[in-house]
Amino acid sequence: MSILPGPPSTWIIVGPALLVAALLILISVFTRTEKRPPEDGWKGIYYYAPEYPALLVPKRFGIGWTLNFGNPWSWVVLAVIILAVALPFILSVRPLHQPR
């Protein structure tokens, strides 16, 4: 008889991703500003402007939003996204030592 865990449920993987997406959409709706962020905050494809309070800023080119890495909350959002992606893989790894 094997004590190996079964494959992780789809909702363990999809649930946190949907939750993060819903939170980002709500944040962008409620924190939307009419003015464009200052152009001097762009560092290549990243935006870093501690003096600009918005968490999400419109991308310079194309469609979408990006995080303002000058806002401390953007690092929390990034950590939650990384954890939501990594946690199902970490939990599905078979333990190296199993008691007999």
PDB file of N, CA and C in Angstrom:
ATOM      1  N   MET A   1       0.842  -1.178   0.000  1.00  0.00           N
ATOM      2  CA  MET A   1       0.000   0.000   0.000  1.00  0.00           C
ATOM      3  C   MET A   1       0.886   1.240   0.000  1.00  0.00           C
ATOM      4  N   SER A   2       0.619   2.128  -0.911  1.00  0.00           N
ATOM      5  CA  SER A   2       1.425   3.338  -1.063  1.00  0.00           C
ATOM      6  C   SER A   2       0.767   4.504  -0.341  1.00  0.00           C
ATOM      7  N   ILE A   3       1.593   5.339   0.251  1.00  0.00           N
ATOM      8  CA  ILE A   3       1.088   6.520   0.957  1.00  0.00           C
ATOM      9  C   ILE A   3       1.407   7.785   0.159  1.00  0.00           C
ATOM     10  N   LEU A   4       1.597   7.630  -1.126  1.00  0.00           N
ATOM     11  CA  LEU A   4       1.921   8.793  -1.956  1.00  0.00           C
ATOM     12  C   LEU A   4       0.701   9.699  -2.076  1.00  0.00           C
ATOM     13  N   PRO A   5       0.919  11.013  -2.011  1.00  0.00           N
ATOM     14  CA  PRO A   5      -0.219  11.925  -2.186  1.00  0.00           C
ATOM     15  C   PRO A   5      -0.677  11.912  -3.640  1.00  0.00           C
ATOM     16  N   GLY A   6      -1.959  12.132  -3.833  1.00  0.00           N
ATOM     17  CA  GLY A   6      -2.498  12.210  -5.180  1.00  0.00           C
ATOM     18  C   GLY A   6      -2.145  13.543  -5.819  1.00  0.00           C
ATOM     19  N   PRO A   7      -2.510  13.708  -7.081  1.00  0.00           N
ATOM     20  CA  PRO A   7      -2.221  14.987  -7.744  1.00  0.00           C
ATOM     21  C   PRO A   7      -3.004  16.108  -7.076  1.00  0.00           C
ATOM     22  N   PRO A   8      -2.439  17.306  -7.051  1.00  0.00           N
ATOM     23  CA  PRO A   8      -3.158  18.411  -6.399  1.00  0.00           C
ATOM     24  C   PRO A   8      -4.434  18.754  -7.163  1.00  0.00           C
ATOM     25  N   SER A   9      -5.411  19.143  -6.419  1.00  0.00           N
ATOM     26  CA  SER A   9      -6.670  19.547  -7.026  1.00  0.00           C
ATOM     27  C   SER A   9      -6.442  20.755  -7.925  1.00  0.00           C
ATOM     28  N   THR A  10      -7.232  20.845  -8.950  1.00  0.00           N
ATOM     29  CA  THR A  10      -7.123  21.974  -9.875  1.00  0.00           C
ATOM     30  C   THR A  10      -7.361  23.293  -9.165  1.00  0.00           C
ATOM     31  N   TRP A  11      -8.255  23.299  -8.186  1.00  0.00           N
ATOM     32  CA  TRP A  11      -8.579  24.539  -7.489  1.00  0.00           C
ATOM     33  C   TRP A  11      -7.445  25.014  -6.595  1.00  0.00           C
ATOM     34  N   ILE A  12      -6.573  24.099  -6.164  1.00  0.00           N
ATOM     35  CA  ILE A  12      -5.411  24.526  -5.385  1.00  0.00           C
ATOM     36  C   ILE A  12      -4.501  25.394  -6.241  1.00  0.00           C
ATOM     37  N   ILE A  13      -4.453  25.108  -7.525  1.00  0.00           N
ATOM     38  CA  ILE A  13      -3.601  25.865  -8.438  1.00  0.00           C
ATOM     39  C   ILE A  13      -4.345  27.079  -9.000  1.00  0.00           C
ATOM     40  N   VAL A  14      -5.573  26.868  -9.451  1.00  0.00           N
ATOM     41  CA  VAL A  14      -6.321  27.928 -10.127  1.00  0.00           C
ATOM     42  C   VAL A  14      -6.902  28.936  -9.135  1.00  0.00           C
ATOM     43  N   GLY A  15      -7.302  28.476  -7.948  1.00  0.00           N
ATOM     44  CA  GLY A  15      -7.939  29.351  -6.959  1.00  0.00           C
ATOM     45  C   GLY A  15      -7.109  30.560  -6.574  1.00  0.00           C
ATOM     46  N   PRO A  16      -5.846  30.364  -6.119  1.00  0.00           N
ATOM     47  CA  PRO A  16      -5.040  31.542  -5.765  1.00  0.00           C
ATOM     48  C   PRO A  16      -4.785  32.473  -6.943  1.00  0.00           C
ATOM     49  N   ALA A  17      -4.617  31.928  -8.143  1.00  0.00           N
ATOM     50  CA  ALA A  17      -4.388  32.780  -9.312  1.00  0.00           C
ATOM     51  C   ALA A  17      -5.618  33.639  -9.596  1.00  0.00           C
ATOM     52  N   LEU A  18      -6.810  33.039  -9.499  1.00  0.00           N
ATOM     53  CA  LEU A  18      -8.042  33.814  -9.714  1.00  0.00           C
ATOM     54  C   LEU A  18      -8.240  34.855  -8.625  1.00  0.00           C
ATOM     55  N   LEU A  19      -7.892  34.513  -7.398  1.00  0.00           N
ATOM     56  CA  LEU A  19      -8.013  35.462  -6.294  1.00  0.00           C
ATOM     57  C   LEU A  19      -7.100  36.669  -6.498  1.00  0.00           C
ATOM     58  N   VAL A  20      -5.861  36.427  -6.886  1.00  0.00           N
ATOM     59  CA  VAL A  20      -4.922  37.524  -7.132  1.00  0.00           C
ATOM     60  C   VAL A  20      -5.398  38.380  -8.301  1.00  0.00           C
ATOM     61  N   ALA A  21      -5.889  37.736  -9.362  1.00  0.00           N
ATOM     62  CA  ALA A  21      -6.389  38.495 -10.511  1.00  0.00           C
ATOM     63  C   ALA A  21      -7.578  39.364 -10.121  1.00  0.00           C
ATOM     64  N   ALA A  22      -8.496  38.813  -9.326  1.00  0.00           N
ATOM     65  CA  ALA A  22      -9.663  39.595  -8.889  1.00  0.00           C
ATOM     66  C   ALA A  22      -9.242  40.761  -8.011  1.00  0.00           C
ATOM     67  N   LEU A  23      -8.292  40.531  -7.113  1.00  0.00           N
ATOM     68  CA  LEU A  23      -7.817  41.627  -6.257  1.00  0.00           C
ATOM     69  C   LEU A  23      -7.140  42.721  -7.071  1.00  0.00           C
ATOM     70  N   LEU A  24      -6.339  42.355  -8.056  1.00  0.00           N
ATOM     71  CA  LEU A  24      -5.680  43.363  -8.890  1.00  0.00           C
ATOM     72  C   LEU A  24      -6.694  44.168  -9.700  1.00  0.00           C
ATOM     73  N   ILE A  25      -7.744  43.508 -10.174  1.00  0.00           N
ATOM     74  CA  ILE A  25      -8.779  44.222 -10.921  1.00  0.00           C
ATOM     75  C   ILE A  25      -9.502  45.200 -10.003  1.00  0.00           C
ATOM     76  N   LEU A  26      -9.857  44.753  -8.796  1.00  0.00           N
ATOM     77  CA  LEU A  26     -10.525  45.649  -7.848  1.00  0.00           C
ATOM     78  C   LEU A  26      -9.638  46.822  -7.457  1.00  0.00           C
ATOM     79  N   ILE A  27      -8.363  46.554  -7.222  1.00  0.00           N
ATOM     80  CA  ILE A  27      -7.436  47.635  -6.864  1.00  0.00           C
ATOM     81  C   ILE A  27      -7.327  48.636  -7.997  1.00  0.00           C
ATOM     82  N   SER A  28      -7.234  48.136  -9.236  1.00  0.00           N
ATOM     83  CA  SER A  28      -7.090  49.058 -10.363  1.00  0.00           C
ATOM     84  C   SER A  28      -8.350  49.885 -10.588  1.00  0.00           C
ATOM     85  N   VAL A  29      -9.513  49.313 -10.312  1.00  0.00           N
ATOM     86  CA  VAL A  29     -10.765  50.062 -10.487  1.00  0.00           C
ATOM     87  C   VAL A  29     -10.894  51.152  -9.439  1.00  0.00           C
ATOM     88  N   PHE A  30     -10.577  50.838  -8.183  1.00  0.00           N
ATOM     89  CA  PHE A  30     -10.771  51.799  -7.103  1.00  0.00           C
ATOM     90  C   PHE A  30      -9.623  52.797  -6.947  1.00  0.00           C
ATOM     91  N   THR A  31      -8.479  52.539  -7.528  1.00  0.00           N
ATOM     92  CA  THR A  31      -7.355  53.470  -7.401  1.00  0.00           C
ATOM     93  C   THR A  31      -7.017  54.154  -8.726  1.00  0.00           C
ATOM     94  N   ARG A  32      -7.917  54.107  -9.655  1.00  0.00           N
ATOM     95  CA  ARG A  32      -7.661  54.684 -10.979  1.00  0.00           C
ATOM     96  C   ARG A  32      -7.529  56.200 -10.889  1.00  0.00           C
ATOM     97  N   THR A  33      -6.518  56.724 -11.537  1.00  0.00           N
ATOM     98  CA  THR A  33      -6.334  58.173 -11.615  1.00  0.00           C
ATOM     99  C   THR A  33      -6.452  58.593 -13.068  1.00  0.00           C
ATOM    100  N   GLU A  34      -6.843  59.816 -13.289  1.00  0.00           N
ATOM    101  CA  GLU A  34      -7.030  60.310 -14.645  1.00  0.00           C
ATOM    102  C   GLU A  34      -5.727  60.777 -15.287  1.00  0.00           C
ATOM    103  N   LYS A  35      -4.761  61.163 -14.466  1.00  0.00           N
ATOM    104  CA  LYS A  35      -3.524  61.674 -15.050  1.00  0.00           C
ATOM    105  C   LYS A  35      -2.521  60.542 -15.250  1.00  0.00           C
ATOM    106  N   ARG A  36      -1.684  60.706 -16.239  1.00  0.00           N
ATOM    107  CA  ARG A  36      -0.637  59.720 -16.533  1.00  0.00           C
ATOM    108  C   ARG A  36       0.461  59.840 -15.486  1.00  0.00           C
ATOM    109  N   PRO A  37       1.128  58.736 -15.175  1.00  0.00           N
ATOM    110  CA  PRO A  37       2.225  58.807 -14.209  1.00  0.00           C
ATOM    111  C   PRO A  37       3.410  59.550 -14.803  1.00  0.00           C
ATOM    112  N   PRO A  38       4.270  60.095 -13.969  1.00  0.00           N
ATOM    113  CA  PRO A  38       5.439  60.812 -14.487  1.00  0.00           C
ATOM    114  C   PRO A  38       6.326  59.895 -15.330  1.00  0.00           C
ATOM    115  N   GLU A  39       6.807  60.422 -16.432  1.00  0.00           N
ATOM    116  CA  GLU A  39       7.638  59.631 -17.356  1.00  0.00           C
ATOM    117  C   GLU A  39       9.006  59.296 -16.787  1.00  0.00           C
ATOM    118  N   ASP A  40       9.497  60.073 -15.822  1.00  0.00           N
ATOM    119  CA  ASP A  40      10.840  59.805 -15.303  1.00  0.00           C
ATOM    120  C   ASP A  40      10.886  58.582 -14.392  1.00  0.00           C
ATOM    121  N   GLY A  41       9.729  57.968 -14.104  1.00  0.00           N
ATOM    122  CA  GLY A  41       9.693  56.776 -13.268  1.00  0.00           C
ATOM    123  C   GLY A  41       9.989  55.486 -14.020  1.00  0.00           C
ATOM    124  N   TRP A  42      10.003  55.539 -15.354  1.00  0.00           N
ATOM    125  CA  TRP A  42      10.230  54.331 -16.145  1.00  0.00           C
ATOM    126  C   TRP A  42      11.706  53.965 -16.153  1.00  0.00           C
ATOM    127  N   LYS A  43      11.986  52.718 -15.787  1.00  0.00           N
ATOM    128  CA  LYS A  43      13.343  52.168 -15.836  1.00  0.00           C
ATOM    129  C   LYS A  43      13.283  50.971 -16.774  1.00  0.00           C
ATOM    130  N   GLY A  44      13.329  51.207 -18.056  1.00  0.00           N
ATOM    131  CA  GLY A  44      13.143  50.134 -19.028  1.00  0.00           C
ATOM    132  C   GLY A  44      11.677  49.739 -19.071  1.00  0.00           C
ATOM    133  N   ILE A  45      11.385  48.474 -18.759  1.00  0.00           N
ATOM    134  CA  ILE A  45       9.993  48.025 -18.747  1.00  0.00           C
ATOM    135  C   ILE A  45       9.374  48.114 -17.357  1.00  0.00           C
ATOM    136  N   TYR A  46      10.149  48.507 -16.360  1.00  0.00           N
ATOM    137  CA  TYR A  46       9.671  48.610 -14.979  1.00  0.00           C
ATOM    138  C   TYR A  46       9.376  50.066 -14.635  1.00  0.00           C
ATOM    139  N   TYR A  47       8.427  50.241 -13.712  1.00  0.00           N
ATOM    140  CA  TYR A  47       8.092  51.589 -13.262  1.00  0.00           C
ATOM    141  C   TYR A  47       8.429  51.694 -11.786  1.00  0.00           C
ATOM    142  N   TYR A  48       9.231  52.687 -11.416  1.00  0.00           N
ATOM    143  CA  TYR A  48       9.646  52.899 -10.031  1.00  0.00           C
ATOM    144  C   TYR A  48       9.577  54.385  -9.732  1.00  0.00           C
ATOM    145  N   ALA A  49       8.548  54.778  -8.986  1.00  0.00           N
ATOM    146  CA  ALA A  49       8.379  56.177  -8.592  1.00  0.00           C
ATOM    147  C   ALA A  49       7.772  56.224  -7.195  1.00  0.00           C
ATOM    148  N   PRO A  50       8.615  56.308  -6.146  1.00  0.00           N
ATOM    149  CA  PRO A  50       8.086  56.329  -4.777  1.00  0.00           C
ATOM    150  C   PRO A  50       7.177  57.525  -4.506  1.00  0.00           C
ATOM    151  N   GLU A  51       7.363  58.619  -5.211  1.00  0.00           N
ATOM    152  CA  GLU A  51       6.547  59.805  -4.964  1.00  0.00           C
ATOM    153  C   GLU A  51       5.160  59.694  -5.599  1.00  0.00           C
ATOM    154  N   TYR A  52       4.974  58.752  -6.523  1.00  0.00           N
ATOM    155  CA  TYR A  52       3.679  58.541  -7.168  1.00  0.00           C
ATOM    156  C   TYR A  52       2.930  57.469  -6.380  1.00  0.00           C
ATOM    157  N   PRO A  53       1.750  57.773  -5.807  1.00  0.00           N
ATOM    158  CA  PRO A  53       1.108  56.862  -4.851  1.00  0.00           C
ATOM    159  C   PRO A  53       0.415  55.642  -5.449  1.00  0.00           C
ATOM    160  N   ALA A  54       0.180  55.606  -6.750  1.00  0.00           N
ATOM    161  CA  ALA A  54      -0.594  54.514  -7.342  1.00  0.00           C
ATOM    162  C   ALA A  54       0.159  53.189  -7.278  1.00  0.00           C
ATOM    163  N   LEU A  55      -0.579  52.121  -7.020  1.00  0.00           N
ATOM    164  CA  LEU A  55      -0.004  50.786  -7.014  1.00  0.00           C
ATOM    165  C   LEU A  55       0.138  50.258  -8.438  1.00  0.00           C
ATOM    166  N   LEU A  56      -0.882  50.467  -9.240  1.00  0.00           N
ATOM    167  CA  LEU A  56      -0.865  50.048 -10.638  1.00  0.00           C
ATOM    168  C   LEU A  56      -0.854  51.283 -11.533  1.00  0.00           C
ATOM    169  N   VAL A  57      -0.012  51.245 -12.551  1.00  0.00           N
ATOM    170  CA  VAL A  57       0.069  52.357 -13.505  1.00  0.00           C
ATOM    171  C   VAL A  57      -0.127  51.801 -14.907  1.00  0.00           C
ATOM    172  N   PRO A  58      -0.723  52.604 -15.808  1.00  0.00           N
ATOM    173  CA  PRO A  58      -0.889  52.127 -17.183  1.00  0.00           C
ATOM    174  C   PRO A  58       0.478  51.950 -17.849  1.00  0.00           C
ATOM    175  N   LYS A  59       0.580  50.905 -18.648  1.00  0.00           N
ATOM    176  CA  LYS A  59       1.841  50.667 -19.344  1.00  0.00           C
ATOM    177  C   LYS A  59       2.141  51.816 -20.301  1.00  0.00           C
ATOM    178  N   ARG A  60       3.402  52.027 -20.536  1.00  0.00           N
ATOM    179  CA  ARG A  60       3.803  53.115 -21.420  1.00  0.00           C
ATOM    180  C   ARG A  60       3.389  52.819 -22.856  1.00  0.00           C
ATOM    181  N   PHE A  61       3.565  51.572 -23.269  1.00  0.00           N
ATOM    182  CA  PHE A  61       3.201  51.154 -24.630  1.00  0.00           C
ATOM    183  C   PHE A  61       2.289  49.939 -24.530  1.00  0.00           C
ATOM    184  N   GLY A  62       1.295  49.876 -25.359  1.00  0.00           N
ATOM    185  CA  GLY A  62       0.410  48.718 -25.379  1.00  0.00           C
ATOM    186  C   GLY A  62      -0.743  48.855 -24.410  1.00  0.00           C
ATOM    187  N   ILE A  63      -1.354  47.712 -24.153  1.00  0.00           N
ATOM    188  CA  ILE A  63      -2.542  47.674 -23.300  1.00  0.00           C
ATOM    189  C   ILE A  63      -2.177  47.003 -21.990  1.00  0.00           C
ATOM    190  N   GLY A  64      -2.703  47.506 -20.894  1.00  0.00           N
ATOM    191  CA  GLY A  64      -2.517  46.847 -19.616  1.00  0.00           C
ATOM    192  C   GLY A  64      -1.961  47.765 -18.549  1.00  0.00           C
ATOM    193  N   TRP A  65      -1.655  47.145 -17.428  1.00  0.00           N
ATOM    194  CA  TRP A  65      -1.165  47.854 -16.259  1.00  0.00           C
ATOM    195  C   TRP A  65       0.098  47.177 -15.769  1.00  0.00           C
ATOM    196  N   THR A  66       0.902  47.894 -15.044  1.00  0.00           N
ATOM    197  CA  THR A  66       2.089  47.341 -14.422  1.00  0.00           C
ATOM    198  C   THR A  66       2.182  47.861 -12.996  1.00  0.00           C
ATOM    199  N   LEU A  67       2.970  47.190 -12.187  1.00  0.00           N
ATOM    200  CA  LEU A  67       3.135  47.601 -10.799  1.00  0.00           C
ATOM    201  C   LEU A  67       4.095  48.779 -10.694  1.00  0.00           C
ATOM    202  N   ASN A  68       3.807  49.681  -9.765  1.00  0.00           N
ATOM    203  CA  ASN A  68       4.734  50.756  -9.426  1.00  0.00           C
ATOM    204  C   ASN A  68       5.628  50.202  -8.308  1.00  0.00           C
ATOM    205  N   PHE A  69       6.845  49.804  -8.646  1.00  0.00           N
ATOM    206  CA  PHE A  69       7.728  49.183  -7.674  1.00  0.00           C
ATOM    207  C   PHE A  69       8.251  50.173  -6.641  1.00  0.00           C
ATOM    208  N   GLY A  70       7.925  51.433  -6.759  1.00  0.00           N
ATOM    209  CA  GLY A  70       8.238  52.409  -5.734  1.00  0.00           C
ATOM    210  C   GLY A  70       7.233  52.375  -4.585  1.00  0.00           C
ATOM    211  N   ASN A  71       6.081  51.778  -4.818  1.00  0.00           N
ATOM    212  CA  ASN A  71       5.060  51.618  -3.796  1.00  0.00           C
ATOM    213  C   ASN A  71       5.357  50.329  -3.033  1.00  0.00           C
ATOM    214  N   PRO A  72       5.507  50.366  -1.706  1.00  0.00           N
ATOM    215  CA  PRO A  72       5.843  49.148  -0.947  1.00  0.00           C
ATOM    216  C   PRO A  72       4.820  48.023  -1.101  1.00  0.00           C
ATOM    217  N   TRP A  73       3.570  48.350  -1.355  1.00  0.00           N
ATOM    218  CA  TRP A  73       2.553  47.317  -1.514  1.00  0.00           C
ATOM    219  C   TRP A  73       2.742  46.499  -2.784  1.00  0.00           C
ATOM    220  N   SER A  74       3.449  47.030  -3.776  1.00  0.00           N
ATOM    221  CA  SER A  74       3.676  46.251  -4.992  1.00  0.00           C
ATOM    222  C   SER A  74       4.548  45.034  -4.704  1.00  0.00           C
ATOM    223  N   TRP A  75       5.441  45.142  -3.740  1.00  0.00           N
ATOM    224  CA  TRP A  75       6.288  44.007  -3.373  1.00  0.00           C
ATOM    225  C   TRP A  75       5.457  42.939  -2.670  1.00  0.00           C
ATOM    226  N   VAL A  76       4.442  43.350  -1.918  1.00  0.00           N
ATOM    227  CA  VAL A  76       3.539  42.389  -1.279  1.00  0.00           C
ATOM    228  C   VAL A  76       2.735  41.653  -2.354  1.00  0.00           C
ATOM    229  N   VAL A  77       2.213  42.392  -3.326  1.00  0.00           N
ATOM    230  CA  VAL A  77       1.452  41.786  -4.421  1.00  0.00           C
ATOM    231  C   VAL A  77       2.334  40.811  -5.195  1.00  0.00           C
ATOM    232  N   LEU A  78       3.565  41.201  -5.481  1.00  0.00           N
ATOM    233  CA  LEU A  78       4.489  40.331  -6.208  1.00  0.00           C
ATOM    234  C   LEU A  78       4.800  39.065  -5.407  1.00  0.00           C
ATOM    235  N   ALA A  79       4.986  39.197  -4.089  1.00  0.00           N
ATOM    236  CA  ALA A  79       5.251  38.033  -3.236  1.00  0.00           C
ATOM    237  C   ALA A  79       4.047  37.091  -3.210  1.00  0.00           C
ATOM    238  N   VAL A  80       2.825  37.637  -3.164  1.00  0.00           N
ATOM    239  CA  VAL A  80       1.620  36.803  -3.175  1.00  0.00           C
ATOM    240  C   VAL A  80       1.497  36.053  -4.500  1.00  0.00           C
ATOM    241  N   ILE A  81       1.803  36.712  -5.595  1.00  0.00           N
ATOM    242  CA  ILE A  81       1.746  36.062  -6.902  1.00  0.00           C
ATOM    243  C   ILE A  81       2.764  34.924  -6.982  1.00  0.00           C
ATOM    244  N   ILE A  82       3.986  35.168  -6.544  1.00  0.00           N
ATOM    245  CA  ILE A  82       5.020  34.136  -6.574  1.00  0.00           C
ATOM    246  C   ILE A  82       4.644  32.977  -5.656  1.00  0.00           C
ATOM    247  N   LEU A  83       4.117  33.288  -4.475  1.00  0.00           N
ATOM    248  CA  LEU A  83       3.699  32.240  -3.545  1.00  0.00           C
ATOM    249  C   LEU A  83       2.536  31.436  -4.112  1.00  0.00           C
ATOM    250  N   ALA A  84       1.582  32.098  -4.759  1.00  0.00           N
ATOM    251  CA  ALA A  84       0.436  31.397  -5.348  1.00  0.00           C
ATOM    252  C   ALA A  84       0.870  30.456  -6.463  1.00  0.00           C
ATOM    253  N   VAL A  85       1.923  30.794  -7.171  1.00  0.00           N
ATOM    254  CA  VAL A  85       2.431  29.919  -8.230  1.00  0.00           C
ATOM    255  C   VAL A  85       3.288  28.799  -7.650  1.00  0.00           C
ATOM    256  N   ALA A  86       4.115  29.097  -6.670  1.00  0.00           N
ATOM    257  CA  ALA A  86       5.064  28.117  -6.149  1.00  0.00           C
ATOM    258  C   ALA A  86       4.458  27.146  -5.146  1.00  0.00           C
ATOM    259  N   LEU A  87       3.484  27.569  -4.363  1.00  0.00           N
ATOM    260  CA  LEU A  87       2.953  26.732  -3.289  1.00  0.00           C
ATOM    261  C   LEU A  87       2.377  25.402  -3.765  1.00  0.00           C
ATOM    262  N   PRO A  88       1.577  25.362  -4.842  1.00  0.00           N
ATOM    263  CA  PRO A  88       1.086  24.049  -5.289  1.00  0.00           C
ATOM    264  C   PRO A  88       2.212  23.089  -5.673  1.00  0.00           C
ATOM    265  N   PHE A  89       3.273  23.608  -6.262  1.00  0.00           N
ATOM    266  CA  PHE A  89       4.396  22.749  -6.627  1.00  0.00           C
ATOM    267  C   PHE A  89       5.134  22.262  -5.389  1.00  0.00           C
ATOM    268  N   ILE A  90       5.275  23.135  -4.410  1.00  0.00           N
ATOM    269  CA  ILE A  90       5.956  22.751  -3.168  1.00  0.00           C
ATOM    270  C   ILE A  90       5.138  21.695  -2.428  1.00  0.00           C
ATOM    271  N   LEU A  91       3.815  21.864  -2.383  1.00  0.00           N
ATOM    272  CA  LEU A  91       2.965  20.921  -1.671  1.00  0.00           C
ATOM    273  C   LEU A  91       2.840  19.577  -2.385  1.00  0.00           C
ATOM    274  N   SER A  92       3.052  19.564  -3.695  1.00  0.00           N
ATOM    275  CA  SER A  92       2.899  18.318  -4.434  1.00  0.00           C
ATOM    276  C   SER A  92       4.179  17.487  -4.489  1.00  0.00           C
ATOM    277  N   VAL A  93       5.285  18.016  -4.011  1.00  0.00           N
ATOM    278  CA  VAL A  93       6.531  17.268  -4.017  1.00  0.00           C
ATOM    279  C   VAL A  93       6.451  16.164  -2.969  1.00  0.00           C
ATOM    280  N   ARG A  94       6.843  15.000  -3.367  1.00  0.00           N
ATOM    281  CA  ARG A  94       6.815  13.846  -2.455  1.00  0.00           C
ATOM    282  C   ARG A  94       7.856  14.036  -1.367  1.00  0.00           C
ATOM    283  N   PRO A  95       7.495  13.782  -0.121  1.00  0.00           N
ATOM    284  CA  PRO A  95       8.483  13.912   0.953  1.00  0.00           C
ATOM    285  C   PRO A  95       9.660  12.962   0.726  1.00  0.00           C
ATOM    286  N   LEU A  96      10.849  13.410   1.070  1.00  0.00           N
ATOM    287  CA  LEU A  96      12.040  12.595   0.839  1.00  0.00           C
ATOM    288  C   LEU A  96      12.119  11.416   1.820  1.00  0.00           C
ATOM    289  N   HIS A  97      11.624  11.598   3.002  1.00  0.00           N
ATOM    290  CA  HIS A  97      11.683  10.530   4.002  1.00  0.00           C
ATOM    291  C   HIS A  97      10.277  10.191   4.453  1.00  0.00           C
ATOM    292  N   GLN A  98       9.857   8.962   4.189  1.00  0.00           N
ATOM    293  CA  GLN A  98       8.539   8.522   4.605  1.00  0.00           C
ATOM    294  C   GLN A  98       8.692   7.462   5.695  1.00  0.00           C
ATOM    295  N   PRO A  99       7.957   7.591   6.776  1.00  0.00           N
ATOM    296  CA  PRO A  99       8.043   6.557   7.820  1.00  0.00           C
ATOM    297  C   PRO A  99       7.448   5.242   7.331  1.00  0.00           C
ATOM    298  N   ARG A 100       8.023   4.133   7.768  1.00  0.00           N
ATOM    299  CA  ARG A 100       7.535   2.813   7.335  1.00  0.00           C
ATOM    300  C   ARG A 100       6.573   2.234   8.307  1.00  0.00           C
TER     301      ARG A 100
END
